[in-house]
Amino acid sequence: MGTKTRKELMPGTLDMLVLKALLQGALHGYGIAQHLRTVSGEFLQVEEGSLYPALQRLELNGDIHGEWTTTGNNRRARVYKLTAAGRKRLQAEVARYKQMTAAIDSVLGWAQ
């Protein structure tokens, strides 16, 4: 009997990953999810129920800016761009993430 393994993000990493995806250029929500899936080798599967609240939170914080636009197939989509504040936050989040993972690696190495 097979069980589906849940691949949950570590708490606090979704915002950082969204900001990193937008560093490449403007994207809509689906594009962000696809980018994260592709770059992670299909490992990260960000659900709409997590992604869209994160986009709203980042926009309210001033880290990203969203605009409604019409796509090539004539559909309306909200496209997000990284702001200067978002670039600064991304740098801080990456530094914090690296400190956290280094500390966890130390503990795991110690525990062996």
PDB file of N, CA and C in Angstrom:
ATOM      1  N   MET A   1       0.851  -1.175   0.000  1.00  0.00           N
ATOM      2  CA  MET A   1       0.000   0.000   0.000  1.00  0.00           C
ATOM      3  C   MET A   1       0.896   1.237   0.000  1.00  0.00           C
ATOM      4  N   GLY A   2       0.777   2.097  -1.018  1.00  0.00           N
ATOM      5  CA  GLY A   2       1.614   3.284  -1.128  1.00  0.00           C
ATOM      6  C   GLY A   2       1.016   4.451  -0.358  1.00  0.00           C
ATOM      7  N   THR A   3       1.875   5.229   0.207  1.00  0.00           N
ATOM      8  CA  THR A   3       1.423   6.444   0.868  1.00  0.00           C
ATOM      9  C   THR A   3       2.088   7.624   0.201  1.00  0.00           C
ATOM     10  N   LYS A   4       1.364   8.698   0.090  1.00  0.00           N
ATOM     11  CA  LYS A   4       1.896   9.907  -0.513  1.00  0.00           C
ATOM     12  C   LYS A   4       2.674  10.673   0.551  1.00  0.00           C
ATOM     13  N   THR A   5       3.919  10.956   0.259  1.00  0.00           N
ATOM     14  CA  THR A   5       4.754  11.704   1.181  1.00  0.00           C
ATOM     15  C   THR A   5       4.474  13.179   1.023  1.00  0.00           C
ATOM     16  N   ARG A   6       4.141  13.839   2.113  1.00  0.00           N
ATOM     17  CA  ARG A   6       3.907  15.289   2.074  1.00  0.00           C
ATOM     18  C   ARG A   6       5.240  15.993   2.107  1.00  0.00           C
ATOM     19  N   LYS A   7       5.383  16.952   1.221  1.00  0.00           N
ATOM     20  CA  LYS A   7       6.617  17.739   1.137  1.00  0.00           C
ATOM     21  C   LYS A   7       6.292  19.139   1.603  1.00  0.00           C
ATOM     22  N   GLU A   8       6.346  19.347   2.892  1.00  0.00           N
ATOM     23  CA  GLU A   8       6.014  20.646   3.452  1.00  0.00           C
ATOM     24  C   GLU A   8       7.255  21.502   3.571  1.00  0.00           C
ATOM     25  N   LEU A   9       7.068  22.784   3.325  1.00  0.00           N
ATOM     26  CA  LEU A   9       8.166  23.735   3.483  1.00  0.00           C
ATOM     27  C   LEU A   9       8.442  23.957   4.956  1.00  0.00           C
ATOM     28  N   MET A  10       9.696  24.252   5.262  1.00  0.00           N
ATOM     29  CA  MET A  10      10.022  24.641   6.630  1.00  0.00           C
ATOM     30  C   MET A  10       9.306  25.942   6.925  1.00  0.00           C
ATOM     31  N   PRO A  11       8.793  26.116   8.134  1.00  0.00           N
ATOM     32  CA  PRO A  11       8.095  27.364   8.466  1.00  0.00           C
ATOM     33  C   PRO A  11       8.956  28.588   8.157  1.00  0.00           C
ATOM     34  N   GLY A  12       8.333  29.568   7.548  1.00  0.00           N
ATOM     35  CA  GLY A  12       9.016  30.817   7.253  1.00  0.00           C
ATOM     36  C   GLY A  12       9.779  30.855   5.942  1.00  0.00           C
ATOM     37  N   THR A  13       9.792  29.756   5.180  1.00  0.00           N
ATOM     38  CA  THR A  13      10.585  29.747   3.947  1.00  0.00           C
ATOM     39  C   THR A  13       9.787  30.137   2.706  1.00  0.00           C
ATOM     40  N   LEU A  14       8.473  30.054   2.723  1.00  0.00           N
ATOM     41  CA  LEU A  14       7.693  30.350   1.525  1.00  0.00           C
ATOM     42  C   LEU A  14       7.898  31.785   1.061  1.00  0.00           C
ATOM     43  N   ASP A  15       7.840  32.741   1.975  1.00  0.00           N
ATOM     44  CA  ASP A  15       8.047  34.139   1.587  1.00  0.00           C
ATOM     45  C   ASP A  15       9.408  34.318   0.922  1.00  0.00           C
ATOM     46  N   MET A  16      10.428  33.716   1.501  1.00  0.00           N
ATOM     47  CA  MET A  16      11.773  33.821   0.951  1.00  0.00           C
ATOM     48  C   MET A  16      11.832  33.226  -0.461  1.00  0.00           C
ATOM     49  N   LEU A  17      11.209  32.089  -0.666  1.00  0.00           N
ATOM     50  CA  LEU A  17      11.229  31.438  -1.972  1.00  0.00           C
ATOM     51  C   LEU A  17      10.462  32.246  -3.021  1.00  0.00           C
ATOM     52  N   VAL A  18       9.357  32.852  -2.622  1.00  0.00           N
ATOM     53  CA  VAL A  18       8.590  33.700  -3.544  1.00  0.00           C
ATOM     54  C   VAL A  18       9.428  34.911  -3.929  1.00  0.00           C
ATOM     55  N   LEU A  19      10.061  35.547  -2.957  1.00  0.00           N
ATOM     56  CA  LEU A  19      10.910  36.702  -3.248  1.00  0.00           C
ATOM     57  C   LEU A  19      12.044  36.308  -4.185  1.00  0.00           C
ATOM     58  N   LYS A  20      12.638  35.153  -3.959  1.00  0.00           N
ATOM     59  CA  LYS A  20      13.730  34.675  -4.814  1.00  0.00           C
ATOM     60  C   LYS A  20      13.226  34.428  -6.233  1.00  0.00           C
ATOM     61  N   ALA A  21      12.050  33.843  -6.369  1.00  0.00           N
ATOM     62  CA  ALA A  21      11.491  33.596  -7.705  1.00  0.00           C
ATOM     63  C   ALA A  21      11.281  34.915  -8.445  1.00  0.00           C
ATOM     64  N   LEU A  22      10.819  35.931  -7.735  1.00  0.00           N
ATOM     65  CA  LEU A  22      10.550  37.231  -8.363  1.00  0.00           C
ATOM     66  C   LEU A  22      11.824  38.014  -8.653  1.00  0.00           C
ATOM     67  N   LEU A  23      12.936  37.589  -8.093  1.00  0.00           N
ATOM     68  CA  LEU A  23      14.215  38.212  -8.408  1.00  0.00           C
ATOM     69  C   LEU A  23      14.540  38.020  -9.891  1.00  0.00           C
ATOM     70  N   GLN A  24      14.002  36.949 -10.486  1.00  0.00           N
ATOM     71  CA  GLN A  24      14.230  36.651 -11.898  1.00  0.00           C
ATOM     72  C   GLN A  24      13.404  37.546 -12.817  1.00  0.00           C
ATOM     73  N   GLY A  25      12.343  38.155 -12.282  1.00  0.00           N
ATOM     74  CA  GLY A  25      11.472  39.011 -13.077  1.00  0.00           C
ATOM     75  C   GLY A  25      10.031  38.848 -12.651  1.00  0.00           C
ATOM     76  N   ALA A  26       9.154  39.633 -13.257  1.00  0.00           N
ATOM     77  CA  ALA A  26       7.728  39.632 -12.897  1.00  0.00           C
ATOM     78  C   ALA A  26       7.084  38.290 -13.262  1.00  0.00           C
ATOM     79  N   LEU A  27       6.234  37.805 -12.361  1.00  0.00           N
ATOM     80  CA  LEU A  27       5.516  36.543 -12.575  1.00  0.00           C
ATOM     81  C   LEU A  27       4.126  36.637 -11.959  1.00  0.00           C
ATOM     82  N   HIS A  28       3.202  35.845 -12.480  1.00  0.00           N
ATOM     83  CA  HIS A  28       1.902  35.698 -11.827  1.00  0.00           C
ATOM     84  C   HIS A  28       1.983  34.501 -10.890  1.00  0.00           C
ATOM     85  N   GLY A  29       0.973  34.325 -10.078  1.00  0.00           N
ATOM     86  CA  GLY A  29       0.992  33.277  -9.057  1.00  0.00           C
ATOM     87  C   GLY A  29       1.296  31.898  -9.598  1.00  0.00           C
ATOM     88  N   TYR A  30       0.622  31.513 -10.678  1.00  0.00           N
ATOM     89  CA  TYR A  30       0.860  30.193 -11.265  1.00  0.00           C
ATOM     90  C   TYR A  30       2.300  30.083 -11.751  1.00  0.00           C
ATOM     91  N   GLY A  31       2.825  31.164 -12.331  1.00  0.00           N
ATOM     92  CA  GLY A  31       4.208  31.177 -12.803  1.00  0.00           C
ATOM     93  C   GLY A  31       5.200  30.991 -11.672  1.00  0.00           C
ATOM     94  N   ILE A  32       4.900  31.596 -10.520  1.00  0.00           N
ATOM     95  CA  ILE A  32       5.764  31.441  -9.340  1.00  0.00           C
ATOM     96  C   ILE A  32       5.766  29.987  -8.896  1.00  0.00           C
ATOM     97  N   ALA A  33       4.580  29.397  -8.803  1.00  0.00           N
ATOM     98  CA  ALA A  33       4.469  27.994  -8.384  1.00  0.00           C
ATOM     99  C   ALA A  33       5.213  27.081  -9.355  1.00  0.00           C
ATOM    100  N   GLN A  34       5.064  27.331 -10.658  1.00  0.00           N
ATOM    101  CA  GLN A  34       5.742  26.520 -11.670  1.00  0.00           C
ATOM    102  C   GLN A  34       7.256  26.681 -11.572  1.00  0.00           C
ATOM    103  N   HIS A  35       7.706  27.910 -11.369  1.00  0.00           N
ATOM    104  CA  HIS A  35       9.143  28.176 -11.247  1.00  0.00           C
ATOM    105  C   HIS A  35       9.726  27.402 -10.068  1.00  0.00           C
ATOM    106  N   LEU A  36       9.069  27.482  -8.920  1.00  0.00           N
ATOM    107  CA  LEU A  36       9.566  26.783  -7.734  1.00  0.00           C
ATOM    108  C   LEU A  36       9.573  25.275  -7.952  1.00  0.00           C
ATOM    109  N   ARG A  37       8.557  24.763  -8.612  1.00  0.00           N
ATOM    110  CA  ARG A  37       8.474  23.320  -8.895  1.00  0.00           C
ATOM    111  C   ARG A  37       9.627  22.916  -9.822  1.00  0.00           C
ATOM    112  N   THR A  38       9.842  23.681 -10.878  1.00  0.00           N
ATOM    113  CA  THR A  38      10.870  23.350 -11.861  1.00  0.00           C
ATOM    114  C   THR A  38      12.273  23.439 -11.270  1.00  0.00           C
ATOM    115  N   VAL A  39      12.568  24.562 -10.605  1.00  0.00           N
ATOM    116  CA  VAL A  39      13.908  24.774 -10.053  1.00  0.00           C
ATOM    117  C   VAL A  39      14.234  23.744  -8.979  1.00  0.00           C
ATOM    118  N   SER A  40      13.234  23.280  -8.257  1.00  0.00           N
ATOM    119  CA  SER A  40      13.463  22.311  -7.178  1.00  0.00           C
ATOM    120  C   SER A  40      13.451  20.866  -7.680  1.00  0.00           C
ATOM    121  N   GLY A  41      13.431  20.678  -8.972  1.00  0.00           N
ATOM    122  CA  GLY A  41      13.398  19.314  -9.504  1.00  0.00           C
ATOM    123  C   GLY A  41      12.106  18.604  -9.182  1.00  0.00           C
ATOM    124  N   GLU A  42      11.015  19.341  -9.217  1.00  0.00           N
ATOM    125  CA  GLU A  42       9.663  18.822  -8.949  1.00  0.00           C
ATOM    126  C   GLU A  42       9.422  18.509  -7.478  1.00  0.00           C
ATOM    127  N   PHE A  43      10.330  18.884  -6.587  1.00  0.00           N
ATOM    128  CA  PHE A  43      10.159  18.570  -5.166  1.00  0.00           C
ATOM    129  C   PHE A  43       9.181  19.515  -4.484  1.00  0.00           C
ATOM    130  N   LEU A  44       9.304  20.814  -4.750  1.00  0.00           N
ATOM    131  CA  LEU A  44       8.435  21.789  -4.092  1.00  0.00           C
ATOM    132  C   LEU A  44       7.148  21.967  -4.884  1.00  0.00           C
ATOM    133  N   GLN A  45       6.049  21.611  -4.288  1.00  0.00           N
ATOM    134  CA  GLN A  45       4.731  21.735  -4.891  1.00  0.00           C
ATOM    135  C   GLN A  45       3.936  22.712  -4.034  1.00  0.00           C
ATOM    136  N   VAL A  46       4.015  23.998  -4.361  1.00  0.00           N
ATOM    137  CA  VAL A  46       3.363  25.019  -3.552  1.00  0.00           C
ATOM    138  C   VAL A  46       1.886  25.091  -3.935  1.00  0.00           C
ATOM    139  N   GLU A  47       1.035  24.882  -2.961  1.00  0.00           N
ATOM    140  CA  GLU A  47      -0.411  24.890  -3.186  1.00  0.00           C
ATOM    141  C   GLU A  47      -0.952  26.313  -3.210  1.00  0.00           C
ATOM    142  N   GLU A  48      -2.031  26.516  -3.960  1.00  0.00           N
ATOM    143  CA  GLU A  48      -2.670  27.831  -4.041  1.00  0.00           C
ATOM    144  C   GLU A  48      -3.065  28.349  -2.666  1.00  0.00           C
ATOM    145  N   GLY A  49      -3.516  27.467  -1.800  1.00  0.00           N
ATOM    146  CA  GLY A  49      -3.959  27.851  -0.468  1.00  0.00           C
ATOM    147  C   GLY A  49      -2.843  28.408   0.396  1.00  0.00           C
ATOM    148  N   SER A  50      -1.609  28.135   0.029  1.00  0.00           N
ATOM    149  CA  SER A  50      -0.451  28.703   0.728  1.00  0.00           C
ATOM    150  C   SER A  50       0.132  29.880  -0.040  1.00  0.00           C
ATOM    151  N   LEU A  51       0.181  29.760  -1.367  1.00  0.00           N
ATOM    152  CA  LEU A  51       0.838  30.766  -2.190  1.00  0.00           C
ATOM    153  C   LEU A  51       0.111  32.103  -2.185  1.00  0.00           C
ATOM    154  N   TYR A  52      -1.195  32.100  -2.415  1.00  0.00           N
ATOM    155  CA  TYR A  52      -1.900  33.376  -2.555  1.00  0.00           C
ATOM    156  C   TYR A  52      -1.961  34.181  -1.257  1.00  0.00           C
ATOM    157  N   PRO A  53      -2.137  33.552  -0.101  1.00  0.00           N
ATOM    158  CA  PRO A  53      -2.016  34.333   1.139  1.00  0.00           C
ATOM    159  C   PRO A  53      -0.603  34.906   1.323  1.00  0.00           C
ATOM    160  N   ALA A  54       0.426  34.154   0.913  1.00  0.00           N
ATOM    161  CA  ALA A  54       1.797  34.658   1.005  1.00  0.00           C
ATOM    162  C   ALA A  54       1.976  35.868   0.093  1.00  0.00           C
ATOM    163  N   LEU A  55       1.429  35.809  -1.123  1.00  0.00           N
ATOM    164  CA  LEU A  55       1.523  36.946  -2.047  1.00  0.00           C
ATOM    165  C   LEU A  55       0.823  38.173  -1.464  1.00  0.00           C
ATOM    166  N   GLN A  56      -0.343  37.970  -0.873  1.00  0.00           N
ATOM    167  CA  GLN A  56      -1.060  39.091  -0.251  1.00  0.00           C
ATOM    168  C   GLN A  56      -0.250  39.686   0.901  1.00  0.00           C
ATOM    169  N   ARG A  57       0.317  38.821   1.719  1.00  0.00           N
ATOM    170  CA  ARG A  57       1.117  39.265   2.867  1.00  0.00           C
ATOM    171  C   ARG A  57       2.348  40.053   2.390  1.00  0.00           C
ATOM    172  N   LEU A  58       3.032  39.535   1.382  1.00  0.00           N
ATOM    173  CA  LEU A  58       4.217  40.215   0.850  1.00  0.00           C
ATOM    174  C   LEU A  58       3.861  41.560   0.227  1.00  0.00           C
ATOM    175  N   GLU A  59       2.694  41.612  -0.423  1.00  0.00           N
ATOM    176  CA  GLU A  59       2.275  42.878  -1.026  1.00  0.00           C
ATOM    177  C   GLU A  59       1.908  43.898   0.050  1.00  0.00           C
ATOM    178  N   LEU A  60       1.200  43.454   1.083  1.00  0.00           N
ATOM    179  CA  LEU A  60       0.853  44.353   2.186  1.00  0.00           C
ATOM    180  C   LEU A  60       2.100  44.877   2.899  1.00  0.00           C
ATOM    181  N   ASN A  61       3.135  44.052   2.969  1.00  0.00           N
ATOM    182  CA  ASN A  61       4.392  44.455   3.613  1.00  0.00           C
ATOM    183  C   ASN A  61       5.235  45.358   2.720  1.00  0.00           C
ATOM    184  N   GLY A  62       4.859  45.502   1.454  1.00  0.00           N
ATOM    185  CA  GLY A  62       5.624  46.333   0.536  1.00  0.00           C
ATOM    186  C   GLY A  62       6.806  45.628  -0.102  1.00  0.00           C
ATOM    187  N   ASP A  63       6.875  44.303   0.056  1.00  0.00           N
ATOM    188  CA  ASP A  63       7.989  43.532  -0.505  1.00  0.00           C
ATOM    189  C   ASP A  63       7.802  43.244  -1.995  1.00  0.00           C
ATOM    190  N   ILE A  64       6.551  43.214  -2.432  1.00  0.00           N
ATOM    191  CA  ILE A  64       6.243  43.001  -3.843  1.00  0.00           C
ATOM    192  C   ILE A  64       5.139  43.975  -4.246  1.00  0.00           C
ATOM    193  N   HIS A  65       4.998  44.162  -5.543  1.00  0.00           N
ATOM    194  CA  HIS A  65       3.934  45.019  -6.077  1.00  0.00           C
ATOM    195  C   HIS A  65       3.197  44.206  -7.131  1.00  0.00           C
ATOM    196  N   GLY A  66       1.865  44.153  -7.038  1.00  0.00           N
ATOM    197  CA  GLY A  66       1.074  43.414  -7.999  1.00  0.00           C
ATOM    198  C   GLY A  66       0.247  44.333  -8.879  1.00  0.00           C
ATOM    199  N   GLU A  67       0.124  43.950 -10.143  1.00  0.00           N
ATOM    200  CA  GLU A  67      -0.700  44.693 -11.098  1.00  0.00           C
ATOM    201  C   GLU A  67      -1.517  43.712 -11.916  1.00  0.00           C
ATOM    202  N   TRP A  68      -2.754  44.096 -12.199  1.00  0.00           N
ATOM    203  CA  TRP A  68      -3.578  43.282 -13.084  1.00  0.00           C
ATOM    204  C   TRP A  68      -3.160  43.536 -14.519  1.00  0.00           C
ATOM    205  N   THR A  69      -3.074  42.479 -15.298  1.00  0.00           N
ATOM    206  CA  THR A  69      -2.697  42.578 -16.704  1.00  0.00           C
ATOM    207  C   THR A  69      -3.459  41.512 -17.488  1.00  0.00           C
ATOM    208  N   THR A  70      -3.398  41.606 -18.790  1.00  0.00           N
ATOM    209  CA  THR A  70      -4.007  40.601 -19.663  1.00  0.00           C
ATOM    210  C   THR A  70      -2.889  39.753 -20.248  1.00  0.00           C
ATOM    211  N   THR A  71      -3.019  38.445 -20.128  1.00  0.00           N
ATOM    212  CA  THR A  71      -1.981  37.533 -20.603  1.00  0.00           C
ATOM    213  C   THR A  71      -2.102  37.329 -22.112  1.00  0.00           C
ATOM    214  N   GLY A  72      -1.163  36.593 -22.670  1.00  0.00           N
ATOM    215  CA  GLY A  72      -1.156  36.306 -24.101  1.00  0.00           C
ATOM    216  C   GLY A  72      -2.392  35.571 -24.585  1.00  0.00           C
ATOM    217  N   ASN A  73      -3.007  34.782 -23.708  1.00  0.00           N
ATOM    218  CA  ASN A  73      -4.227  34.061 -24.099  1.00  0.00           C
ATOM    219  C   ASN A  73      -5.486  34.806 -23.653  1.00  0.00           C
ATOM    220  N   ASN A  74      -5.341  36.131 -23.482  1.00  0.00           N
ATOM    221  CA  ASN A  74      -6.467  37.033 -23.201  1.00  0.00           C
ATOM    222  C   ASN A  74      -7.163  36.769 -21.867  1.00  0.00           C
ATOM    223  N   ARG A  75      -6.401  36.338 -20.864  1.00  0.00           N
ATOM    224  CA  ARG A  75      -6.943  36.146 -19.524  1.00  0.00           C
ATOM    225  C   ARG A  75      -6.325  37.178 -18.599  1.00  0.00           C
ATOM    226  N   ARG A  76      -7.118  37.592 -17.607  1.00  0.00           N
ATOM    227  CA  ARG A  76      -6.598  38.536 -16.620  1.00  0.00           C
ATOM    228  C   ARG A  76      -5.797  37.773 -15.570  1.00  0.00           C
ATOM    229  N   ALA A  77      -4.654  38.336 -15.216  1.00  0.00           N
ATOM    230  CA  ALA A  77      -3.801  37.730 -14.190  1.00  0.00           C
ATOM    231  C   ALA A  77      -3.112  38.850 -13.429  1.00  0.00           C
ATOM    232  N   ARG A  78      -2.867  38.613 -12.159  1.00  0.00           N
ATOM    233  CA  ARG A  78      -2.137  39.575 -11.335  1.00  0.00           C
ATOM    234  C   ARG A  78      -0.662  39.208 -11.415  1.00  0.00           C
ATOM    235  N   VAL A  79       0.140  40.142 -11.881  1.00  0.00           N
ATOM    236  CA  VAL A  79       1.573  39.922 -12.044  1.00  0.00           C
ATOM    237  C   VAL A  79       2.296  40.661 -10.924  1.00  0.00           C
ATOM    238  N   TYR A  80       3.246  39.976 -10.326  1.00  0.00           N
ATOM    239  CA  TYR A  80       3.962  40.514  -9.167  1.00  0.00           C
ATOM    240  C   TYR A  80       5.406  40.829  -9.530  1.00  0.00           C
ATOM    241  N   LYS A  81       5.889  41.941  -8.957  1.00  0.00           N
ATOM    242  CA  LYS A  81       7.272  42.364  -9.137  1.00  0.00           C
ATOM    243  C   LYS A  81       7.886  42.601  -7.766  1.00  0.00           C
ATOM    244  N   LEU A  82       9.164  42.343  -7.669  1.00  0.00           N
ATOM    245  CA  LEU A  82       9.909  42.570  -6.443  1.00  0.00           C
ATOM    246  C   LEU A  82      10.193  44.062  -6.283  1.00  0.00           C
ATOM    247  N   THR A  83      10.025  44.586  -5.083  1.00  0.00           N
ATOM    248  CA  THR A  83      10.339  45.988  -4.795  1.00  0.00           C
ATOM    249  C   THR A  83      11.742  46.071  -4.189  1.00  0.00           C
ATOM    250  N   ALA A  84      12.228  47.287  -4.029  1.00  0.00           N
ATOM    251  CA  ALA A  84      13.532  47.492  -3.371  1.00  0.00           C
ATOM    252  C   ALA A  84      13.496  46.934  -1.947  1.00  0.00           C
ATOM    253  N   ALA A  85      12.380  47.160  -1.261  1.00  0.00           N
ATOM    254  CA  ALA A  85      12.230  46.624   0.099  1.00  0.00           C
ATOM    255  C   ALA A  85      12.243  45.097   0.078  1.00  0.00           C
ATOM    256  N   GLY A  86      11.648  44.515  -0.961  1.00  0.00           N
ATOM    257  CA  GLY A  86      11.631  43.064  -1.103  1.00  0.00           C
ATOM    258  C   GLY A  86      13.017  42.492  -1.341  1.00  0.00           C
ATOM    259  N   ARG A  87      13.822  43.209  -2.113  1.00  0.00           N
ATOM    260  CA  ARG A  87      15.209  42.765  -2.347  1.00  0.00           C
ATOM    261  C   ARG A  87      15.992  42.762  -1.031  1.00  0.00           C
ATOM    262  N   LYS A  88      15.796  43.806  -0.251  1.00  0.00           N
ATOM    263  CA  LYS A  88      16.478  43.914   1.041  1.00  0.00           C
ATOM    264  C   LYS A  88      16.018  42.800   1.982  1.00  0.00           C
ATOM    265  N   ARG A  89      14.701  42.554   1.997  1.00  0.00           N
ATOM    266  CA  ARG A  89      14.170  41.487   2.857  1.00  0.00           C
ATOM    267  C   ARG A  89      14.683  40.127   2.416  1.00  0.00           C
ATOM    268  N   LEU A  90      14.777  39.914   1.096  1.00  0.00           N
ATOM    269  CA  LEU A  90      15.295  38.638   0.599  1.00  0.00           C
ATOM    270  C   LEU A  90      16.704  38.394   1.113  1.00  0.00           C
ATOM    271  N   GLN A  91      17.551  39.404   1.054  1.00  0.00           N
ATOM    272  CA  GLN A  91      18.923  39.256   1.559  1.00  0.00           C
ATOM    273  C   GLN A  91      18.916  38.886   3.037  1.00  0.00           C
ATOM    274  N   ALA A  92      18.079  39.540   3.814  1.00  0.00           N
ATOM    275  CA  ALA A  92      18.009  39.263   5.251  1.00  0.00           C
ATOM    276  C   ALA A  92      17.475  37.857   5.513  1.00  0.00           C
ATOM    277  N   GLU A  93      16.452  37.454   4.761  1.00  0.00           N
ATOM    278  CA  GLU A  93      15.865  36.124   4.950  1.00  0.00           C
ATOM    279  C   GLU A  93      16.848  35.021   4.567  1.00  0.00           C
ATOM    280  N   VAL A  94      17.596  35.218   3.491  1.00  0.00           N
ATOM    281  CA  VAL A  94      18.583  34.218   3.074  1.00  0.00           C
ATOM    282  C   VAL A  94      19.667  34.090   4.141  1.00  0.00           C
ATOM    283  N   ALA A  95      20.132  35.205   4.682  1.00  0.00           N
ATOM    284  CA  ALA A  95      21.154  35.163   5.740  1.00  0.00           C
ATOM    285  C   ALA A  95      20.623  34.426   6.969  1.00  0.00           C
ATOM    286  N   ARG A  96      19.386  34.725   7.353  1.00  0.00           N
ATOM    287  CA  ARG A  96      18.772  34.055   8.512  1.00  0.00           C
ATOM    288  C   ARG A  96      18.617  32.562   8.256  1.00  0.00           C
ATOM    289  N   TYR A  97      18.194  32.195   7.043  1.00  0.00           N
ATOM    290  CA  TYR A  97      18.014  30.792   6.671  1.00  0.00           C
ATOM    291  C   TYR A  97      19.345  30.043   6.743  1.00  0.00           C
ATOM    292  N   LYS A  98      20.403  30.668   6.227  1.00  0.00           N
ATOM    293  CA  LYS A  98      21.719  30.019   6.248  1.00  0.00           C
ATOM    294  C   LYS A  98      22.209  29.822   7.679  1.00  0.00           C
ATOM    295  N   GLN A  99      21.966  30.800   8.554  1.00  0.00           N
ATOM    296  CA  GLN A  99      22.348  30.656   9.962  1.00  0.00           C
ATOM    297  C   GLN A  99      21.584  29.508  10.602  1.00  0.00           C
ATOM    298  N   MET A 100      20.281  29.443  10.324  1.00  0.00           N
ATOM    299  CA  MET A 100      19.444  28.399  10.913  1.00  0.00           C
ATOM    300  C   MET A 100      19.865  27.013  10.435  1.00  0.00           C
ATOM    301  N   THR A 101      20.079  26.865   9.131  1.00  0.00           N
ATOM    302  CA  THR A 101      20.447  25.540   8.627  1.00  0.00           C
ATOM    303  C   THR A 101      21.851  25.137   9.097  1.00  0.00           C
ATOM    304  N   ALA A 102      22.756  26.100   9.248  1.00  0.00           N
ATOM    305  CA  ALA A 102      24.090  25.791   9.777  1.00  0.00           C
ATOM    306  C   ALA A 102      23.990  25.307  11.218  1.00  0.00           C
ATOM    307  N   ALA A 103      23.137  25.952  11.999  1.00  0.00           N
ATOM    308  CA  ALA A 103      22.947  25.540  13.393  1.00  0.00           C
ATOM    309  C   ALA A 103      22.328  24.137  13.457  1.00  0.00           C
ATOM    310  N   ILE A 104      21.364  23.875  12.612  1.00  0.00           N
ATOM    311  CA  ILE A 104      20.735  22.541  12.580  1.00  0.00           C
ATOM    312  C   ILE A 104      21.751  21.491  12.147  1.00  0.00           C
ATOM    313  N   ASP A 105      22.548  21.807  11.122  1.00  0.00           N
ATOM    314  CA  ASP A 105      23.601  20.881  10.685  1.00  0.00           C
ATOM    315  C   ASP A 105      24.567  20.577  11.819  1.00  0.00           C
ATOM    316  N   SER A 106      24.912  21.578  12.609  1.00  0.00           N
ATOM    317  CA  SER A 106      25.818  21.358  13.745  1.00  0.00           C
ATOM    318  C   SER A 106      25.213  20.403  14.746  1.00  0.00           C
ATOM    319  N   VAL A 107      23.946  20.601  15.044  1.00  0.00           N
ATOM    320  CA  VAL A 107      23.275  19.718  15.994  1.00  0.00           C
ATOM    321  C   VAL A 107      23.190  18.293  15.452  1.00  0.00           C
ATOM    322  N   LEU A 108      22.850  18.155  14.199  1.00  0.00           N
ATOM    323  CA  LEU A 108      22.746  16.821  13.608  1.00  0.00           C
ATOM    324  C   LEU A 108      24.096  16.126  13.562  1.00  0.00           C
ATOM    325  N   GLY A 109      25.145  16.855  13.256  1.00  0.00           N
ATOM    326  CA  GLY A 109      26.485  16.291  13.244  1.00  0.00           C
ATOM    327  C   GLY A 109      26.937  15.873  14.629  1.00  0.00           C
ATOM    328  N   TRP A 110      26.569  16.660  15.617  1.00  0.00           N
ATOM    329  CA  TRP A 110      26.898  16.365  16.994  1.00  0.00           C
ATOM    330  C   TRP A 110      26.177  15.110  17.476  1.00  0.00           C
ATOM    331  N   ALA A 111      24.939  14.936  17.004  1.00  0.00           N
ATOM    332  CA  ALA A 111      24.106  13.844  17.508  1.00  0.00           C
ATOM    333  C   ALA A 111      24.520  12.490  16.952  1.00  0.00           C
ATOM    334  N   GLN A 112      25.383  12.447  15.945  1.00  0.00           N
ATOM    335  CA  GLN A 112      25.742  11.151  15.337  1.00  0.00           C
ATOM    336  C   GLN A 112      26.652  10.344  16.191  1.00  0.00           C
TER     337      GLN A 112
END
